Amino acid sequence: MPIVAEPAASKVNPTSEYEAKFSAQFVVATFLIKGAFGLTDLMPAALKDSVVLDLARRITCAIDPVTAFPAYFSGGGSPSRTAAASSGTSASTAAQARVR
């Protein structure tokens, strides 16, 4: 997961808005602490929040060896997504139907 989780040393301590956008650890830590993640969480003061940064350092990212990606996630081009697009059903509705 090189774009959003590696190198871990820089992802757990983003120094710019751009770095923070592509840090899974920072985004997850912010969301867990604040209950949301928005544009204000990319501002310089938010990037220095010691509580968020402490939690971000404790978050690790790993690839799930039994994932269904990309067949059942955005951009996977699965038959149900294609069928949903051609039938006028939203992709999210089709995905919810699969999960149930």
PDB file of N, CA and C in Angstrom:
ATOM      1  N   MET A   1       0.827  -1.184   0.000  1.00  0.00           N
ATOM      2  CA  MET A   1       0.000   0.000   0.000  1.00  0.00           C
ATOM      3  C   MET A   1       0.873   1.250   0.000  1.00  0.00           C
ATOM      4  N   PRO A   2       1.695   1.386  -1.002  1.00  0.00           N
ATOM      5  CA  PRO A   2       2.657   2.490  -0.990  1.00  0.00           C
ATOM      6  C   PRO A   2       2.060   3.892  -1.037  1.00  0.00           C
ATOM      7  N   ILE A   3       0.898   4.075  -1.587  1.00  0.00           N
ATOM      8  CA  ILE A   3       0.369   5.434  -1.713  1.00  0.00           C
ATOM      9  C   ILE A   3      -0.179   5.961  -0.394  1.00  0.00           C
ATOM     10  N   VAL A   4      -0.879   5.141   0.369  1.00  0.00           N
ATOM     11  CA  VAL A   4      -1.543   5.635   1.574  1.00  0.00           C
ATOM     12  C   VAL A   4      -0.968   5.137   2.888  1.00  0.00           C
ATOM     13  N   ALA A   5      -0.091   4.147   2.862  1.00  0.00           N
ATOM     14  CA  ALA A   5       0.400   3.601   4.127  1.00  0.00           C
ATOM     15  C   ALA A   5       1.923   3.515   4.235  1.00  0.00           C
ATOM     16  N   GLU A   6       2.617   3.747   3.160  1.00  0.00           N
ATOM     17  CA  GLU A   6       4.068   3.632   3.178  1.00  0.00           C
ATOM     18  C   GLU A   6       4.703   4.833   2.495  1.00  0.00           C
ATOM     19  N   PRO A   7       5.866   5.241   2.918  1.00  0.00           N
ATOM     20  CA  PRO A   7       6.611   4.738   4.064  1.00  0.00           C
ATOM     21  C   PRO A   7       5.945   5.162   5.373  1.00  0.00           C
ATOM     22  N   ALA A   8       5.830   4.232   6.266  1.00  0.00           N
ATOM     23  CA  ALA A   8       5.090   4.451   7.510  1.00  0.00           C
ATOM     24  C   ALA A   8       5.623   5.636   8.306  1.00  0.00           C
ATOM     25  N   ALA A   9       6.924   5.816   8.326  1.00  0.00           N
ATOM     26  CA  ALA A   9       7.517   6.914   9.111  1.00  0.00           C
ATOM     27  C   ALA A   9       6.965   8.273   8.707  1.00  0.00           C
ATOM     28  N   SER A  10       6.766   8.491   7.416  1.00  0.00           N
ATOM     29  CA  SER A  10       6.231   9.784   6.995  1.00  0.00           C
ATOM     30  C   SER A  10       4.710   9.816   7.043  1.00  0.00           C
ATOM     31  N   LYS A  11       4.059   8.662   6.941  1.00  0.00           N
ATOM     32  CA  LYS A  11       2.596   8.629   6.955  1.00  0.00           C
ATOM     33  C   LYS A  11       2.023   8.893   8.343  1.00  0.00           C
ATOM     34  N   VAL A  12       2.754   8.546   9.387  1.00  0.00           N
ATOM     35  CA  VAL A  12       2.238   8.756  10.747  1.00  0.00           C
ATOM     36  C   VAL A  12       2.485  10.169  11.253  1.00  0.00           C
ATOM     37  N   ASN A  13       3.235  10.946  10.499  1.00  0.00           N
ATOM     38  CA  ASN A  13       3.546  12.316  10.909  1.00  0.00           C
ATOM     39  C   ASN A  13       3.556  13.232   9.682  1.00  0.00           C
ATOM     40  N   PRO A  14       2.401  13.413   9.035  1.00  0.00           N
ATOM     41  CA  PRO A  14       2.382  14.248   7.828  1.00  0.00           C
ATOM     42  C   PRO A  14       2.720  15.698   8.155  1.00  0.00           C
ATOM     43  N   THR A  15       3.474  16.321   7.265  1.00  0.00           N
ATOM     44  CA  THR A  15       3.892  17.703   7.490  1.00  0.00           C
ATOM     45  C   THR A  15       3.212  18.691   6.551  1.00  0.00           C
ATOM     46  N   SER A  16       2.355  18.186   5.673  1.00  0.00           N
ATOM     47  CA  SER A  16       1.633  19.070   4.761  1.00  0.00           C
ATOM     48  C   SER A  16       0.238  18.518   4.503  1.00  0.00           C
ATOM     49  N   GLU A  17      -0.610  19.376   3.967  1.00  0.00           N
ATOM     50  CA  GLU A  17      -1.965  18.962   3.605  1.00  0.00           C
ATOM     51  C   GLU A  17      -1.907  17.787   2.636  1.00  0.00           C
ATOM     52  N   TYR A  18      -1.024  17.862   1.667  1.00  0.00           N
ATOM     53  CA  TYR A  18      -0.893  16.809   0.660  1.00  0.00           C
ATOM     54  C   TYR A  18      -0.514  15.479   1.306  1.00  0.00           C
ATOM     55  N   GLU A  19       0.466  15.498   2.192  1.00  0.00           N
ATOM     56  CA  GLU A  19       0.883  14.267   2.877  1.00  0.00           C
ATOM     57  C   GLU A  19      -0.246  13.706   3.732  1.00  0.00           C
ATOM     58  N   ALA A  20      -0.990  14.567   4.391  1.00  0.00           N
ATOM     59  CA  ALA A  20      -2.084  14.120   5.261  1.00  0.00           C
ATOM     60  C   ALA A  20      -3.200  13.456   4.464  1.00  0.00           C
ATOM     61  N   LYS A  21      -3.508  13.989   3.274  1.00  0.00           N
ATOM     62  CA  LYS A  21      -4.558  13.407   2.423  1.00  0.00           C
ATOM     63  C   LYS A  21      -4.258  11.963   2.073  1.00  0.00           C
ATOM     64  N   PHE A  22      -2.981  11.647   1.937  1.00  0.00           N
ATOM     65  CA  PHE A  22      -2.575  10.309   1.519  1.00  0.00           C
ATOM     66  C   PHE A  22      -1.942   9.512   2.649  1.00  0.00           C
ATOM     67  N   SER A  23      -2.399   9.757   3.860  1.00  0.00           N
ATOM     68  CA  SER A  23      -1.926   9.002   5.017  1.00  0.00           C
ATOM     69  C   SER A  23      -3.100   8.284   5.661  1.00  0.00           C
ATOM     70  N   ALA A  24      -3.193   6.984   5.422  1.00  0.00           N
ATOM     71  CA  ALA A  24      -4.281   6.205   6.021  1.00  0.00           C
ATOM     72  C   ALA A  24      -4.224   6.305   7.540  1.00  0.00           C
ATOM     73  N   GLN A  25      -3.022   6.253   8.081  1.00  0.00           N
ATOM     74  CA  GLN A  25      -2.872   6.306   9.534  1.00  0.00           C
ATOM     75  C   GLN A  25      -3.406   7.614  10.107  1.00  0.00           C
ATOM     76  N   PHE A  26      -3.071   8.727   9.484  1.00  0.00           N
ATOM     77  CA  PHE A  26      -3.513  10.034   9.967  1.00  0.00           C
ATOM     78  C   PHE A  26      -5.028  10.194   9.825  1.00  0.00           C
ATOM     79  N   VAL A  27      -5.565   9.806   8.681  1.00  0.00           N
ATOM     80  CA  VAL A  27      -7.005   9.938   8.450  1.00  0.00           C
ATOM     81  C   VAL A  27      -7.784   9.064   9.432  1.00  0.00           C
ATOM     82  N   VAL A  28      -7.369   7.824   9.606  1.00  0.00           N
ATOM     83  CA  VAL A  28      -8.065   6.925  10.528  1.00  0.00           C
ATOM     84  C   VAL A  28      -7.960   7.434  11.962  1.00  0.00           C
ATOM     85  N   ALA A  29      -6.778   7.856  12.364  1.00  0.00           N
ATOM     86  CA  ALA A  29      -6.600   8.370  13.728  1.00  0.00           C
ATOM     87  C   ALA A  29      -7.483   9.588  13.971  1.00  0.00           C
ATOM     88  N   THR A  30      -7.515  10.498  13.013  1.00  0.00           N
ATOM     89  CA  THR A  30      -8.353  11.696  13.152  1.00  0.00           C
ATOM     90  C   THR A  30      -9.819  11.304  13.277  1.00  0.00           C
ATOM     91  N   PHE A  31     -10.262  10.412  12.418  1.00  0.00           N
ATOM     92  CA  PHE A  31     -11.663   9.992  12.446  1.00  0.00           C
ATOM     93  C   PHE A  31     -12.011   9.306  13.768  1.00  0.00           C
ATOM     94  N   LEU A  32     -11.138   8.436  14.258  1.00  0.00           N
ATOM     95  CA  LEU A  32     -11.419   7.738  15.519  1.00  0.00           C
ATOM     96  C   LEU A  32     -11.509   8.709  16.699  1.00  0.00           C
ATOM     97  N   ILE A  33     -10.683   9.717  16.699  1.00  0.00           N
ATOM     98  CA  ILE A  33     -10.680  10.672  17.816  1.00  0.00           C
ATOM     99  C   ILE A  33     -11.798  11.702  17.696  1.00  0.00           C
ATOM    100  N   LYS A  34     -12.019  12.214  16.505  1.00  0.00           N
ATOM    101  CA  LYS A  34     -12.977  13.306  16.325  1.00  0.00           C
ATOM    102  C   LYS A  34     -14.338  12.863  15.809  1.00  0.00           C
ATOM    103  N   GLY A  35     -14.429  11.649  15.288  1.00  0.00           N
ATOM    104  CA  GLY A  35     -15.698  11.162  14.764  1.00  0.00           C
ATOM    105  C   GLY A  35     -16.003  11.620  13.354  1.00  0.00           C
ATOM    106  N   ALA A  36     -15.059  12.318  12.743  1.00  0.00           N
ATOM    107  CA  ALA A  36     -15.231  12.811  11.369  1.00  0.00           C
ATOM    108  C   ALA A  36     -13.864  13.218  10.839  1.00  0.00           C
ATOM    109  N   PHE A  37     -13.797  13.389   9.527  1.00  0.00           N
ATOM    110  CA  PHE A  37     -12.578  13.889   8.901  1.00  0.00           C
ATOM    111  C   PHE A  37     -12.998  14.861   7.817  1.00  0.00           C
ATOM    112  N   GLY A  38     -12.512  16.087   7.892  1.00  0.00           N
ATOM    113  CA  GLY A  38     -12.894  17.105   6.915  1.00  0.00           C
ATOM    114  C   GLY A  38     -11.718  17.990   6.551  1.00  0.00           C
ATOM    115  N   LEU A  39     -12.001  19.012   5.780  1.00  0.00           N
ATOM    116  CA  LEU A  39     -10.949  19.915   5.309  1.00  0.00           C
ATOM    117  C   LEU A  39     -10.185  20.583   6.446  1.00  0.00           C
ATOM    118  N   THR A  40     -10.866  20.891   7.536  1.00  0.00           N
ATOM    119  CA  THR A  40     -10.164  21.531   8.654  1.00  0.00           C
ATOM    120  C   THR A  40      -9.109  20.609   9.264  1.00  0.00           C
ATOM    121  N   ASP A  41      -9.265  19.321   9.065  1.00  0.00           N
ATOM    122  CA  ASP A  41      -8.287  18.363   9.594  1.00  0.00           C
ATOM    123  C   ASP A  41      -7.022  18.300   8.748  1.00  0.00           C
ATOM    124  N   LEU A  42      -6.988  19.070   7.676  1.00  0.00           N
ATOM    125  CA  LEU A  42      -5.804  19.149   6.829  1.00  0.00           C
ATOM    126  C   LEU A  42      -5.043  20.460   7.031  1.00  0.00           C
ATOM    127  N   MET A  43      -5.553  21.301   7.910  1.00  0.00           N
ATOM    128  CA  MET A  43      -4.911  22.588   8.180  1.00  0.00           C
ATOM    129  C   MET A  43      -3.658  22.389   9.053  1.00  0.00           C
ATOM    130  N   PRO A  44      -2.723  23.329   8.979  1.00  0.00           N
ATOM    131  CA  PRO A  44      -1.463  23.191   9.723  1.00  0.00           C
ATOM    132  C   PRO A  44      -1.630  22.874  11.212  1.00  0.00           C
ATOM    133  N   ALA A  45      -2.568  23.509  11.884  1.00  0.00           N
ATOM    134  CA  ALA A  45      -2.762  23.245  13.313  1.00  0.00           C
ATOM    135  C   ALA A  45      -3.194  21.798  13.558  1.00  0.00           C
ATOM    136  N   ALA A  46      -4.056  21.280  12.699  1.00  0.00           N
ATOM    137  CA  ALA A  46      -4.535  19.906  12.859  1.00  0.00           C
ATOM    138  C   ALA A  46      -3.410  18.893  12.649  1.00  0.00           C
ATOM    139  N   LEU A  47      -2.456  19.226  11.790  1.00  0.00           N
ATOM    140  CA  LEU A  47      -1.337  18.323  11.521  1.00  0.00           C
ATOM    141  C   LEU A  47      -0.388  18.215  12.708  1.00  0.00           C
ATOM    142  N   LYS A  48      -0.569  19.103  13.677  1.00  0.00           N
ATOM    143  CA  LYS A  48       0.287  19.097  14.867  1.00  0.00           C
ATOM    144  C   LYS A  48      -0.436  18.591  16.109  1.00  0.00           C
ATOM    145  N   ASP A  49      -1.656  18.093  15.936  1.00  0.00           N
ATOM    146  CA  ASP A  49      -2.451  17.600  17.068  1.00  0.00           C
ATOM    147  C   ASP A  49      -1.766  16.375  17.667  1.00  0.00           C
ATOM    148  N   SER A  50      -1.217  16.523  18.855  1.00  0.00           N
ATOM    149  CA  SER A  50      -0.427  15.450  19.467  1.00  0.00           C
ATOM    150  C   SER A  50      -1.246  14.198  19.761  1.00  0.00           C
ATOM    151  N   VAL A  51      -2.521  14.358  20.069  1.00  0.00           N
ATOM    152  CA  VAL A  51      -3.372  13.191  20.341  1.00  0.00           C
ATOM    153  C   VAL A  51      -3.561  12.376  19.063  1.00  0.00           C
ATOM    154  N   VAL A  52      -3.827  13.058  17.967  1.00  0.00           N
ATOM    155  CA  VAL A  52      -4.000  12.376  16.676  1.00  0.00           C
ATOM    156  C   VAL A  52      -2.694  11.720  16.248  1.00  0.00           C
ATOM    157  N   LEU A  53      -1.596  12.447  16.353  1.00  0.00           N
ATOM    158  CA  LEU A  53      -0.308  11.904  15.929  1.00  0.00           C
ATOM    159  C   LEU A  53       0.107  10.707  16.772  1.00  0.00           C
ATOM    160  N   ASP A  54      -0.187  10.736  18.064  1.00  0.00           N
ATOM    161  CA  ASP A  54       0.138   9.598  18.929  1.00  0.00           C
ATOM    162  C   ASP A  54      -0.640   8.352  18.482  1.00  0.00           C
ATOM    163  N   LEU A  55      -1.915   8.521  18.193  1.00  0.00           N
ATOM    164  CA  LEU A  55      -2.710   7.382  17.736  1.00  0.00           C
ATOM    165  C   LEU A  55      -2.250   6.926  16.347  1.00  0.00           C
ATOM    166  N   ALA A  56      -1.954   7.855  15.470  1.00  0.00           N
ATOM    167  CA  ALA A  56      -1.493   7.505  14.116  1.00  0.00           C
ATOM    168  C   ALA A  56      -0.244   6.635  14.172  1.00  0.00           C
ATOM    169  N   ARG A  57       0.649   6.904  15.112  1.00  0.00           N
ATOM    170  CA  ARG A  57       1.870   6.105  15.263  1.00  0.00           C
ATOM    171  C   ARG A  57       1.574   4.668  15.680  1.00  0.00           C
ATOM    172  N   ARG A  58       0.426   4.457  16.285  1.00  0.00           N
ATOM    173  CA  ARG A  58       0.070   3.110  16.753  1.00  0.00           C
ATOM    174  C   ARG A  58      -0.779   2.331  15.747  1.00  0.00           C
ATOM    175  N   ILE A  59      -1.091   2.945  14.614  1.00  0.00           N
ATOM    176  CA  ILE A  59      -1.902   2.289  13.593  1.00  0.00           C
ATOM    177  C   ILE A  59      -0.985   1.651  12.554  1.00  0.00           C
ATOM    178  N   THR A  60      -1.248   0.395  12.264  1.00  0.00           N
ATOM    179  CA  THR A  60      -0.507  -0.285  11.206  1.00  0.00           C
ATOM    180  C   THR A  60      -1.482  -0.693  10.116  1.00  0.00           C
ATOM    181  N   CYS A  61      -1.000  -0.708   8.907  1.00  0.00           N
ATOM    182  CA  CYS A  61      -1.820  -1.098   7.764  1.00  0.00           C
ATOM    183  C   CYS A  61      -1.262  -2.391   7.186  1.00  0.00           C
ATOM    184  N   ALA A  62      -2.147  -3.279   6.830  1.00  0.00           N
ATOM    185  CA  ALA A  62      -1.734  -4.558   6.248  1.00  0.00           C
ATOM    186  C   ALA A  62      -2.697  -4.940   5.140  1.00  0.00           C
ATOM    187  N   ILE A  63      -2.183  -5.642   4.171  1.00  0.00           N
ATOM    188  CA  ILE A  63      -3.013  -6.126   3.072  1.00  0.00           C
ATOM    189  C   ILE A  63      -3.730  -7.390   3.525  1.00  0.00           C
ATOM    190  N   ASP A  64      -5.031  -7.436   3.300  1.00  0.00           N
ATOM    191  CA  ASP A  64      -5.829  -8.606   3.640  1.00  0.00           C
ATOM    192  C   ASP A  64      -5.562  -9.684   2.585  1.00  0.00           C
ATOM    193  N   PRO A  65      -5.012 -10.834   2.998  1.00  0.00           N
ATOM    194  CA  PRO A  65      -4.672 -11.868   2.014  1.00  0.00           C
ATOM    195  C   PRO A  65      -5.889 -12.533   1.361  1.00  0.00           C
ATOM    196  N   VAL A  66      -7.076 -12.380   1.929  1.00  0.00           N
ATOM    197  CA  VAL A  66      -8.273 -13.005   1.351  1.00  0.00           C
ATOM    198  C   VAL A  66      -9.284 -11.970   0.859  1.00  0.00           C
ATOM    199  N   THR A  67      -8.799 -10.802   0.500  1.00  0.00           N
ATOM    200  CA  THR A  67      -9.679  -9.733   0.047  1.00  0.00           C
ATOM    201  C   THR A  67     -10.386 -10.086  -1.264  1.00  0.00           C
ATOM    202  N   ALA A  68     -11.551  -9.532  -1.451  1.00  0.00           N
ATOM    203  CA  ALA A  68     -12.294  -9.702  -2.705  1.00  0.00           C
ATOM    204  C   ALA A  68     -12.004  -8.557  -3.668  1.00  0.00           C
ATOM    205  N   PHE A  69     -11.080  -7.665  -3.285  1.00  0.00           N
ATOM    206  CA  PHE A  69     -10.698  -6.563  -4.161  1.00  0.00           C
ATOM    207  C   PHE A  69      -9.931  -7.123  -5.353  1.00  0.00           C
ATOM    208  N   PRO A  70     -10.166  -6.682  -6.542  1.00  0.00           N
ATOM    209  CA  PRO A  70     -11.018  -5.567  -6.929  1.00  0.00           C
ATOM    210  C   PRO A  70     -12.418  -5.973  -7.373  1.00  0.00           C
ATOM    211  N   ALA A  71     -12.754  -7.233  -7.271  1.00  0.00           N
ATOM    212  CA  ALA A  71     -14.040  -7.699  -7.794  1.00  0.00           C
ATOM    213  C   ALA A  71     -15.248  -7.003  -7.181  1.00  0.00           C
ATOM    214  N   TYR A  72     -15.188  -6.649  -5.894  1.00  0.00           N
ATOM    215  CA  TYR A  72     -16.366  -6.107  -5.228  1.00  0.00           C
ATOM    216  C   TYR A  72     -16.194  -4.693  -4.690  1.00  0.00           C
ATOM    217  N   PHE A  73     -15.224  -3.971  -5.200  1.00  0.00           N
ATOM    218  CA  PHE A  73     -15.007  -2.609  -4.737  1.00  0.00           C
ATOM    219  C   PHE A  73     -14.869  -1.666  -5.919  1.00  0.00           C
ATOM    220  N   SER A  74     -14.928  -0.395  -5.653  1.00  0.00           N
ATOM    221  CA  SER A  74     -14.887   0.642  -6.674  1.00  0.00           C
ATOM    222  C   SER A  74     -13.799   0.385  -7.710  1.00  0.00           C
ATOM    223  N   GLY A  75     -14.203   0.478  -8.961  1.00  0.00           N
ATOM    224  CA  GLY A  75     -13.246   0.327 -10.046  1.00  0.00           C
ATOM    225  C   GLY A  75     -12.975  -1.106 -10.426  1.00  0.00           C
ATOM    226  N   GLY A  76     -13.609  -2.040  -9.751  1.00  0.00           N
ATOM    227  CA  GLY A  76     -13.342  -3.449 -10.027  1.00  0.00           C
ATOM    228  C   GLY A  76     -13.969  -3.952 -11.307  1.00  0.00           C
ATOM    229  N   GLY A  77     -14.965  -3.256 -11.809  1.00  0.00           N
ATOM    230  CA  GLY A  77     -15.599  -3.682 -13.040  1.00  0.00           C
ATOM    231  C   GLY A  77     -16.328  -5.005 -12.904  1.00  0.00           C
ATOM    232  N   SER A  78     -16.837  -5.292 -11.707  1.00  0.00           N
ATOM    233  CA  SER A  78     -17.533  -6.563 -11.505  1.00  0.00           C
ATOM    234  C   SER A  78     -18.827  -6.588 -12.306  1.00  0.00           C
ATOM    235  N   PRO A  79     -19.321  -7.759 -12.657  1.00  0.00           N
ATOM    236  CA  PRO A  79     -20.559  -7.850 -13.432  1.00  0.00           C
ATOM    237  C   PRO A  79     -21.735  -7.119 -12.788  1.00  0.00           C
ATOM    238  N   SER A  80     -21.845  -7.159 -11.453  1.00  0.00           N
ATOM    239  CA  SER A  80     -22.982  -6.500 -10.806  1.00  0.00           C
ATOM    240  C   SER A  80     -22.900  -4.989 -10.963  1.00  0.00           C
ATOM    241  N   ARG A  81     -21.677  -4.419 -10.958  1.00  0.00           N
ATOM    242  CA  ARG A  81     -21.528  -2.974 -11.165  1.00  0.00           C
ATOM    243  C   ARG A  81     -21.922  -2.623 -12.596  1.00  0.00           C
ATOM    244  N   THR A  82     -21.494  -3.447 -13.540  1.00  0.00           N
ATOM    245  CA  THR A  82     -21.823  -3.194 -14.939  1.00  0.00           C
ATOM    246  C   THR A  82     -23.326  -3.311 -15.147  1.00  0.00           C
ATOM    247  N   ALA A  83     -23.925  -4.333 -14.560  1.00  0.00           N
ATOM    248  CA  ALA A  83     -25.375  -4.525 -14.689  1.00  0.00           C
ATOM    249  C   ALA A  83     -26.123  -3.368 -14.046  1.00  0.00           C
ATOM    250  N   ALA A  84     -25.639  -2.916 -12.897  1.00  0.00           N
ATOM    251  CA  ALA A  84     -26.296  -1.808 -12.200  1.00  0.00           C
ATOM    252  C   ALA A  84     -26.253  -0.555 -13.061  1.00  0.00           C
ATOM    253  N   ALA A  85     -25.124  -0.306 -13.702  1.00  0.00           N
ATOM    254  CA  ALA A  85     -24.990   0.891 -14.532  1.00  0.00           C
ATOM    255  C   ALA A  85     -25.933   0.817 -15.737  1.00  0.00           C
ATOM    256  N   SER A  86     -26.048  -0.348 -16.330  1.00  0.00           N
ATOM    257  CA  SER A  86     -26.898  -0.451 -17.512  1.00  0.00           C
ATOM    258  C   SER A  86     -28.381  -0.488 -17.169  1.00  0.00           C
ATOM    259  N   SER A  87     -28.726  -0.893 -15.944  1.00  0.00           N
ATOM    260  CA  SER A  87     -30.135  -0.964 -15.560  1.00  0.00           C
ATOM    261  C   SER A  87     -30.624   0.322 -14.903  1.00  0.00           C
ATOM    262  N   GLY A  88     -29.711   1.250 -14.634  1.00  0.00           N
ATOM    263  CA  GLY A  88     -30.096   2.499 -13.994  1.00  0.00           C
ATOM    264  C   GLY A  88     -30.065   2.418 -12.479  1.00  0.00           C
ATOM    265  N   THR A  89     -29.695   1.279 -11.907  1.00  0.00           N
ATOM    266  CA  THR A  89     -29.574   1.120 -10.458  1.00  0.00           C
ATOM    267  C   THR A  89     -28.235   1.705 -10.036  1.00  0.00           C
ATOM    268  N   SER A  90     -28.213   2.394  -8.919  1.00  0.00           N
ATOM    269  CA  SER A  90     -26.941   2.948  -8.465  1.00  0.00           C
ATOM    270  C   SER A  90     -26.006   1.830  -8.037  1.00  0.00           C
ATOM    271  N   ALA A  91     -24.689   2.058  -8.190  1.00  0.00           N
ATOM    272  CA  ALA A  91     -23.709   1.067  -7.798  1.00  0.00           C
ATOM    273  C   ALA A  91     -23.771   0.773  -6.305  1.00  0.00           C
ATOM    274  N   SER A  92     -24.071   1.820  -5.491  1.00  0.00           N
ATOM    275  CA  SER A  92     -24.142   1.584  -4.052  1.00  0.00           C
ATOM    276  C   SER A  92     -25.332   0.704  -3.703  1.00  0.00           C
ATOM    277  N   THR A  93     -26.448   0.862  -4.414  1.00  0.00           N
ATOM    278  CA  THR A  93     -27.600  -0.001  -4.182  1.00  0.00           C
ATOM    279  C   THR A  93     -27.262  -1.440  -4.549  1.00  0.00           C
ATOM    280  N   ALA A  94     -26.571  -1.620  -5.656  1.00  0.00           N
ATOM    281  CA  ALA A  94     -26.172  -2.962  -6.063  1.00  0.00           C
ATOM    282  C   ALA A  94     -25.222  -3.578  -5.041  1.00  0.00           C
ATOM    283  N   ALA A  95     -24.304  -2.763  -4.507  1.00  0.00           N
ATOM    284  CA  ALA A  95     -23.361  -3.272  -3.509  1.00  0.00           C
ATOM    285  C   ALA A  95     -24.091  -3.657  -2.233  1.00  0.00           C
ATOM    286  N   GLN A  96     -25.079  -2.848  -1.806  1.00  0.00           N
ATOM    287  CA  GLN A  96     -25.829  -3.174  -0.603  1.00  0.00           C
ATOM    288  C   GLN A  96     -26.605  -4.471  -0.803  1.00  0.00           C
ATOM    289  N   ALA A  97     -27.124  -4.673  -1.983  1.00  0.00           N
ATOM    290  CA  ALA A  97     -27.878  -5.889  -2.259  1.00  0.00           C
ATOM    291  C   ALA A  97     -26.975  -7.106  -2.148  1.00  0.00           C
ATOM    292  N   ARG A  98     -25.722  -6.993  -2.588  1.00  0.00           N
ATOM    293  CA  ARG A  98     -24.786  -8.107  -2.511  1.00  0.00           C
ATOM    294  C   ARG A  98     -24.444  -8.438  -1.072  1.00  0.00           C
ATOM    295  N   VAL A  99     -24.306  -7.410  -0.235  1.00  0.00           N
ATOM    296  CA  VAL A  99     -23.899  -7.614   1.145  1.00  0.00           C
ATOM    297  C   VAL A  99     -24.987  -8.301   1.949  1.00  0.00           C
ATOM    298  N   ARG A 100     -26.221  -7.987   1.675  1.00  0.00           N
ATOM    299  CA  ARG A 100     -27.348  -8.549   2.432  1.00  0.00           C
ATOM    300  C   ARG A 100     -27.491  -9.962   2.163  1.00  0.00           C
TER     301      ARG A 100
END
